[in-house]
C-alpha atoms as a PDB file:
ATOM      1  CA  MET A   1     -27.718   5.045  31.489  1.00  0.00           C
ATOM      2  CA  LEU A   2     -26.065   7.908  29.667  1.00  0.00           C
ATOM      3  CA  GLY A   3     -23.182   7.048  27.407  1.00  0.00           C
ATOM      4  CA  VAL A   4     -19.777   8.127  28.496  1.00  0.00           C
ATOM      5  CA  ALA A   5     -18.006  10.310  25.975  1.00  0.00           C
ATOM      6  CA  ARG A   6     -14.777   8.693  24.947  1.00  0.00           C
ATOM      7  CA  THR A   7     -11.977  10.530  23.343  1.00  0.00           C
ATOM      8  CA  VAL A   8     -10.165   8.741  20.578  1.00  0.00           C
ATOM      9  CA  PRO A   9      -6.429   9.364  20.747  1.00  0.00           C
ATOM     10  CA  VAL A  10      -5.203  11.397  17.820  1.00  0.00           C
ATOM     11  CA  THR A  11      -2.515   9.406  16.046  1.00  0.00           C
ATOM     12  CA  GLU A  12      -2.034  11.527  12.925  1.00  0.00           C
ATOM     13  CA  LEU A  13      -1.380  15.208  12.414  1.00  0.00           C
ATOM     14  CA  ASP A  14      -4.410  17.099  11.138  1.00  0.00           C
ATOM     15  CA  GLU A  15      -4.386  18.422   7.574  1.00  0.00           C
ATOM     16  CA  GLY A  16      -4.237  22.086   8.578  1.00  0.00           C
ATOM     17  CA  THR A  17      -1.235  21.626  10.838  1.00  0.00           C
ATOM     18  CA  LEU A  18       0.478  19.556   8.148  1.00  0.00           C
ATOM     19  CA  ARG A  19      -0.060  22.338   5.584  1.00  0.00           C
ATOM     20  CA  ARG A  20       1.347  24.899   8.031  1.00  0.00           C
ATOM     21  CA  ALA A  21       4.378  22.668   8.733  1.00  0.00           C
ATOM     22  CA  VAL A  22       5.015  22.322   4.995  1.00  0.00           C
ATOM     23  CA  ALA A  23       4.856  26.120   4.766  1.00  0.00           C
ATOM     24  CA  GLY A  24       7.577  26.328   7.425  1.00  0.00           C
ATOM     25  CA  GLU A  25       5.536  27.538  10.394  1.00  0.00           C
ATOM     26  CA  ASP A  26       7.545  26.867  13.567  1.00  0.00           C
ATOM     27  CA  ALA A  27       4.536  26.094  15.788  1.00  0.00           C
ATOM     28  CA  ALA A  28       3.231  23.526  13.305  1.00  0.00           C
ATOM     29  CA  ALA A  29       6.685  21.963  12.984  1.00  0.00           C
ATOM     30  CA  ARG A  30       6.842  21.617  16.773  1.00  0.00           C
ATOM     31  CA  GLU A  31       3.386  19.968  16.759  1.00  0.00           C
ATOM     32  CA  LEU A  32       4.598  17.480  14.152  1.00  0.00           C
ATOM     33  CA  VAL A  33       7.644  16.581  16.241  1.00  0.00           C
ATOM     34  CA  VAL A  34       5.554  16.253  19.415  1.00  0.00           C
ATOM     35  CA  MET A  35       3.034  14.030  17.612  1.00  0.00           C
ATOM     36  CA  TYR A  36       5.623  11.579  16.256  1.00  0.00           C
ATOM     37  CA  GLN A  37       8.717  11.834  18.446  1.00  0.00           C
ATOM     38  CA  ALA A  38       7.779   9.039  20.855  1.00  0.00           C
ATOM     39  CA  ARG A  39       7.118   6.598  18.007  1.00  0.00           C
ATOM     40  CA  VAL A  40      10.328   7.548  16.198  1.00  0.00           C
ATOM     41  CA  PHE A  41      12.400   7.304  19.367  1.00  0.00           C
ATOM     42  CA  ALA A  42      10.816   3.937  20.270  1.00  0.00           C
ATOM     43  CA  LEU A  43      11.541   2.443  16.855  1.00  0.00           C
ATOM     44  CA  VAL A  44      15.071   3.805  16.656  1.00  0.00           C
ATOM     45  CA  SER A  45      15.954   2.791  20.219  1.00  0.00           C
ATOM     46  CA  ARG A  46      14.724  -0.762  19.636  1.00  0.00           C
ATOM     47  CA  MET A  47      16.552  -1.036  16.352  1.00  0.00           C
ATOM     48  CA  LEU A  48      19.748   0.388  17.837  1.00  0.00           C
ATOM     49  CA  ALA A  49      19.657  -1.493  21.145  1.00  0.00           C
ATOM     50  CA  GLY A  50      23.080  -1.274  22.717  1.00  0.00           C
ATOM     51  CA  ARG A  51      24.218   1.756  20.721  1.00  0.00           C
ATOM     52  CA  GLY A  52      23.645   4.213  23.537  1.00  0.00           C
ATOM     53  CA  ARG A  53      21.190   7.009  24.041  1.00  0.00           C
ATOM     54  CA  ALA A  54      23.326   9.601  22.225  1.00  0.00           C
ATOM     55  CA  THR A  55      23.335   7.529  19.026  1.00  0.00           C
ATOM     56  CA  VAL A  56      19.592   6.927  19.269  1.00  0.00           C
ATOM     57  CA  GLU A  57      18.975  10.648  19.761  1.00  0.00           C
ATOM     58  CA  ASP A  58      21.247  11.493  16.817  1.00  0.00           C
ATOM     59  CA  VAL A  59      19.393   9.098  14.510  1.00  0.00           C
ATOM     60  CA  ALA A  60      16.007  10.376  15.707  1.00  0.00           C
ATOM     61  CA  GLN A  61      17.153  13.937  15.078  1.00  0.00           C
ATOM     62  CA  GLU A  62      18.451  12.981  11.616  1.00  0.00           C
ATOM     63  CA  THR A  63      15.031  11.460  10.962  1.00  0.00           C
ATOM     64  CA  PHE A  64      13.200  14.700  11.708  1.00  0.00           C
ATOM     65  CA  LEU A  65      15.714  16.778   9.749  1.00  0.00           C
ATOM     66  CA  HIS A  66      15.045  14.564   6.745  1.00  0.00           C
ATOM     67  CA  VAL A  67      11.287  14.739   7.371  1.00  0.00           C
ATOM     68  CA  PHE A  68      11.338  18.529   7.266  1.00  0.00           C
ATOM     69  CA  ARG A  69      13.553  18.619   4.173  1.00  0.00           C
ATOM     70  CA  GLN A  70      11.176  16.265   2.337  1.00  0.00           C
ATOM     71  CA  LEU A  71       7.813  17.181   3.913  1.00  0.00           C
ATOM     72  CA  ALA A  72       6.598  19.079   0.855  1.00  0.00           C
ATOM     73  CA  LYS A  73       7.070  15.880  -1.177  1.00  0.00           C
ATOM     74  CA  PHE A  74       4.886  13.776   1.148  1.00  0.00           C
ATOM     75  CA  ASP A  75       1.869  12.596  -0.853  1.00  0.00           C
ATOM     76  CA  ARG A  76      -1.104  13.420   1.363  1.00  0.00           C
ATOM     77  CA  ASP A  77      -3.398  11.624  -1.071  1.00  0.00           C
ATOM     78  CA  GLY A  78      -1.174   8.550  -1.291  1.00  0.00           C
ATOM     79  CA  VAL A  79      -1.642   5.232   0.426  1.00  0.00           C
ATOM     80  CA  ALA A  80       0.867   5.866   3.240  1.00  0.00           C
ATOM     81  CA  ARG A  81      -0.131   7.704   6.384  1.00  0.00           C
ATOM     82  CA  LEU A  82       2.206  10.434   7.604  1.00  0.00           C
ATOM     83  CA  SER A  83       3.208   8.255  10.557  1.00  0.00           C
ATOM     84  CA  THR A  84       4.136   5.404   8.198  1.00  0.00           C
ATOM     85  CA  TRP A  85       6.187   7.773   6.055  1.00  0.00           C
ATOM     86  CA  ILE A  86       8.024   9.149   9.092  1.00  0.00           C
ATOM     87  CA  LEU A  87       8.665   5.675  10.551  1.00  0.00           C
ATOM     88  CA  THR A  88       9.997   4.611   7.159  1.00  0.00           C
ATOM     89  CA  ILE A  89      12.540   7.398   7.307  1.00  0.00           C
ATOM     90  CA  ALA A  90      13.424   6.448  10.888  1.00  0.00           C
ATOM     91  CA  ALA A  91      13.833   2.770   9.995  1.00  0.00           C
ATOM     92  CA  ARG A  92      16.073   3.578   7.051  1.00  0.00           C
ATOM     93  CA  ARG A  93      18.226   5.915   9.148  1.00  0.00           C
ATOM     94  CA  ALA A  94      18.553   3.206  11.826  1.00  0.00           C
ATOM     95  CA  ILE A  95      19.442   0.569   9.221  1.00  0.00           C
ATOM     96  CA  ASP A  96      22.132   2.888   7.868  1.00  0.00           C
ATOM     97  CA  GLU A  97      23.534   3.247  11.393  1.00  0.00           C
ATOM     98  CA  LEU A  98      23.441  -0.532  11.928  1.00  0.00           C
ATOM     99  CA  ARG A  99      25.330  -1.112   8.714  1.00  0.00           C
ATOM    100  CA  ARG A 100      28.116   1.144   9.943  1.00  0.00           C
ATOM    101  CA  GLN A 101      28.918  -1.209  12.810  1.00  0.00           C
ATOM    102  CA  ARG A 102      27.136  -4.069  14.597  1.00  0.00           C
ATOM    103  CA  PRO A 103      26.112  -3.046  18.107  1.00  0.00           C
ATOM    104  CA  ALA A 104      27.548  -4.371  21.313  1.00  0.00           C
ATOM    105  CA  LEU A 105      24.449  -5.321  23.271  1.00  0.00           C
ATOM    106  CA  VAL A 106      23.996  -3.492  26.539  1.00  0.00           C
ATOM    107  CA  PRO A 107      20.430  -4.262  27.633  1.00  0.00           C
ATOM    108  CA  GLU A 108      18.538  -1.607  29.515  1.00  0.00           C
ATOM    109  CA  VAL A 109      17.213  -3.741  32.359  1.00  0.00           C
ATOM    110  CA  GLU A 110      16.206  -0.734  34.446  1.00  0.00           C
ATOM    111  CA  ARG A 111      12.862  -0.818  32.608  1.00  0.00           C
ATOM    112  CA  VAL A 112      11.866  -3.913  34.531  1.00  0.00           C
ATOM    113  CA  GLY A 113       9.052  -3.126  36.970  1.00  0.00           C
ATOM    114  CA  GLU A 114       8.259  -3.827  40.576  1.00  0.00           C
ATOM    115  CA  GLY A 115       7.872  -7.260  42.116  1.00  0.00           C
ATOM    116  CA  ARG A 116       9.805  -9.853  44.051  1.00  0.00           C
ATOM    117  CA  ALA A 117      13.530  -9.895  43.562  1.00  0.00           C
ATOM    118  CA  ASP A 118      13.495 -13.282  41.827  1.00  0.00           C
ATOM    119  CA  ASP A 119      10.670 -12.123  39.501  1.00  0.00           C
ATOM    120  CA  ARG A 120      12.628  -8.981  38.629  1.00  0.00           C
ATOM    121  CA  ALA A 121      15.737 -11.038  37.949  1.00  0.00           C
ATOM    122  CA  LEU A 122      13.764 -13.371  35.686  1.00  0.00           C
ATOM    123  CA  ARG A 123      12.226 -10.423  33.815  1.00  0.00           C
ATOM    124  CA  ARG A 124      15.667  -8.812  33.456  1.00  0.00           C
ATOM    125  CA  GLU A 125      16.970 -12.049  31.994  1.00  0.00           C
ATOM    126  CA  LEU A 126      14.023 -12.260  29.598  1.00  0.00           C
ATOM    127  CA  VAL A 127      14.372  -8.608  28.532  1.00  0.00           C
ATOM    128  CA  GLY A 128      18.075  -9.154  27.954  1.00  0.00           C
ATOM    129  CA  ALA A 129      17.405 -12.308  25.939  1.00  0.00           C
ATOM    130  CA  ILE A 130      14.812 -10.564  23.769  1.00  0.00           C
ATOM    131  CA  GLU A 131      17.064  -7.581  23.149  1.00  0.00           C
ATOM    132  CA  ALA A 132      20.002  -9.858  22.381  1.00  0.00           C
ATOM    133  CA  ALA A 133      17.873 -11.866  19.967  1.00  0.00           C
ATOM    134  CA  LEU A 134      16.715  -8.666  18.257  1.00  0.00           C
ATOM    135  CA  ALA A 135      20.284  -7.379  18.057  1.00  0.00           C
ATOM    136  CA  ASP A 136      21.363 -10.609  16.361  1.00  0.00           C
ATOM    137  CA  LEU A 137      18.845 -10.133  13.548  1.00  0.00           C
ATOM    138  CA  SER A 138      20.078  -8.509  10.366  1.00  0.00           C
ATOM    139  CA  PRO A 139      19.030  -4.856  10.062  1.00  0.00           C
ATOM    140  CA  GLU A 140      16.513  -5.772   7.363  1.00  0.00           C
ATOM    141  CA  LEU A 141      14.825  -8.474   9.468  1.00  0.00           C
ATOM    142  CA  ARG A 142      14.888  -6.280  12.572  1.00  0.00           C
ATOM    143  CA  ALA A 143      13.274  -3.344  10.738  1.00  0.00           C
ATOM    144  CA  ALA A 144      10.421  -5.470   9.390  1.00  0.00           C
ATOM    145  CA  PHE A 145       9.848  -7.130  12.765  1.00  0.00           C
ATOM    146  CA  LEU A 146       9.843  -3.885  14.761  1.00  0.00           C
ATOM    147  CA  LEU A 147       7.596  -2.066  12.308  1.00  0.00           C
ATOM    148  CA  ARG A 148       5.071  -4.919  12.556  1.00  0.00           C
ATOM    149  CA  GLU A 149       5.251  -5.991  16.185  1.00  0.00           C
ATOM    150  CA  TYR A 150       6.102  -2.761  18.000  1.00  0.00           C
ATOM    151  CA  HIS A 151       4.497  -0.198  15.725  1.00  0.00           C
ATOM    152  CA  GLY A 152       1.564  -2.186  14.364  1.00  0.00           C
ATOM    153  CA  LEU A 153       2.101  -1.434  10.693  1.00  0.00           C
ATOM    154  CA  GLU A 154       0.256  -3.634   8.231  1.00  0.00           C
ATOM    155  CA  TYR A 155       2.271  -5.786   5.846  1.00  0.00           C
ATOM    156  CA  ALA A 156       1.531  -3.488   2.892  1.00  0.00           C
ATOM    157  CA  GLU A 157       2.656  -0.455   4.923  1.00  0.00           C
ATOM    158  CA  ILE A 158       5.903  -2.225   5.809  1.00  0.00           C
ATOM    159  CA  ALA A 159       6.459  -3.081   2.151  1.00  0.00           C
ATOM    160  CA  ARG A 160       6.000   0.572   1.170  1.00  0.00           C
ATOM    161  CA  SER A 161       8.092   1.767   4.103  1.00  0.00           C
ATOM    162  CA  LEU A 162      11.061  -0.431   3.307  1.00  0.00           C
ATOM    163  CA  GLY A 163      10.648  -0.337  -0.459  1.00  0.00           C
ATOM    164  CA  ILE A 164      10.265  -4.109  -0.790  1.00  0.00           C
ATOM    165  CA  ASP A 165       7.658  -6.539  -2.130  1.00  0.00           C
ATOM    166  CA  LEU A 166       4.851  -7.829   0.084  1.00  0.00           C
ATOM    167  CA  GLY A 167       6.247 -11.363  -0.240  1.00  0.00           C
ATOM    168  CA  THR A 168       9.615 -10.130   1.005  1.00  0.00           C
ATOM    169  CA  VAL A 169       7.924  -8.608   4.058  1.00  0.00           C
ATOM    170  CA  LYS A 170       6.259 -11.922   4.837  1.00  0.00           C
ATOM    171  CA  SER A 171       9.518 -13.783   4.339  1.00  0.00           C
ATOM    172  CA  ARG A 172      11.483 -11.390   6.551  1.00  0.00           C
ATOM    173  CA  LEU A 173       8.875 -11.545   9.305  1.00  0.00           C
ATOM    174  CA  SER A 174       8.813 -15.325   9.151  1.00  0.00           C
ATOM    175  CA  ARG A 175      12.609 -15.526   9.326  1.00  0.00           C
ATOM    176  CA  ALA A 176      12.780 -12.975  12.148  1.00  0.00           C
ATOM    177  CA  ARG A 177      10.155 -14.801  14.203  1.00  0.00           C
ATOM    178  CA  ALA A 178      11.852 -18.159  13.633  1.00  0.00           C
ATOM    179  CA  ALA A 179      15.211 -16.761  14.727  1.00  0.00           C
ATOM    180  CA  LEU A 180      13.677 -15.168  17.821  1.00  0.00           C
ATOM    181  CA  ARG A 181      11.837 -18.381  18.744  1.00  0.00           C
ATOM    182  CA  LEU A 182      15.057 -20.372  18.409  1.00  0.00           C
ATOM    183  CA  THR A 183      17.103 -17.940  20.471  1.00  0.00           C
ATOM    184  CA  LEU A 184      14.468 -17.656  23.204  1.00  0.00           C
ATOM    185  CA  ALA A 185      13.980 -21.439  23.313  1.00  0.00           C
ATOM    186  CA  GLU A 186      17.719 -21.803  23.914  1.00  0.00           C
ATOM    187  CA  VAL A 187      17.494 -19.327  26.788  1.00  0.00           C
ATOM    188  CA  ARG A 188      14.498 -21.136  28.277  1.00  0.00           C
ATOM    189  CA  ASN A 189      16.136 -24.557  27.984  1.00  0.00           C
ATOM    190  CA  GLY A 190      19.629 -23.362  28.827  1.00  0.00           C
END
C-alpha cells in the first residue's frame, strides 16, 4: 500500500516572511496576523470572558500593534518561539485589562452544539460553570492556566512568557486547578 502524504499544519511563520515583516512589508505583516490571530483572539477571549467582544477585539488589536512595534527586537535565535512571544504579549495585555476592572460574567452559551434539549441545557450549565470558575481566578492564575491548558505551552515557555520562575508556574497551575476543581465540584453537587 502506498503511503498517504500528510501535510503537517504550519504553526509558526517561516523565517523569510518574518524577515519581511520586520522590514515593514505589508504582505508579510498580513501573513503574520493571519497566522496568529486565531490563537491571540482565543487566549484573549478566554481571559476576558464576560468583557464583551469589543473589549476582546481591542486587546487583540493592541497585542498586534505591540508585536509590530517590537518585532525587530524578537530574538529569532532565542528559546521562545514567535507564537510564544506573541501569546505572552496577548496575555500581558489581557492581564492589564483585567486589573482595570473585574469582569461581570456573561457566558457565551451559544457555542453549545447540537443534541437533545436536556443535553444542551446541561452543556450550557457546564460551560457557564467553567467560564465562571475561570473568571473567578486571579489574572495571574488565569493566564498561566489558559497558556497551559488551552494553548499547550510548556511550563518553561509559560515562565518565560509571564516573566516568572518555573516554580511559580507550577504553583499557579496547581492553585488554578484546585480552585477550578472546587468550584466545579460545588456545581456538580449543588
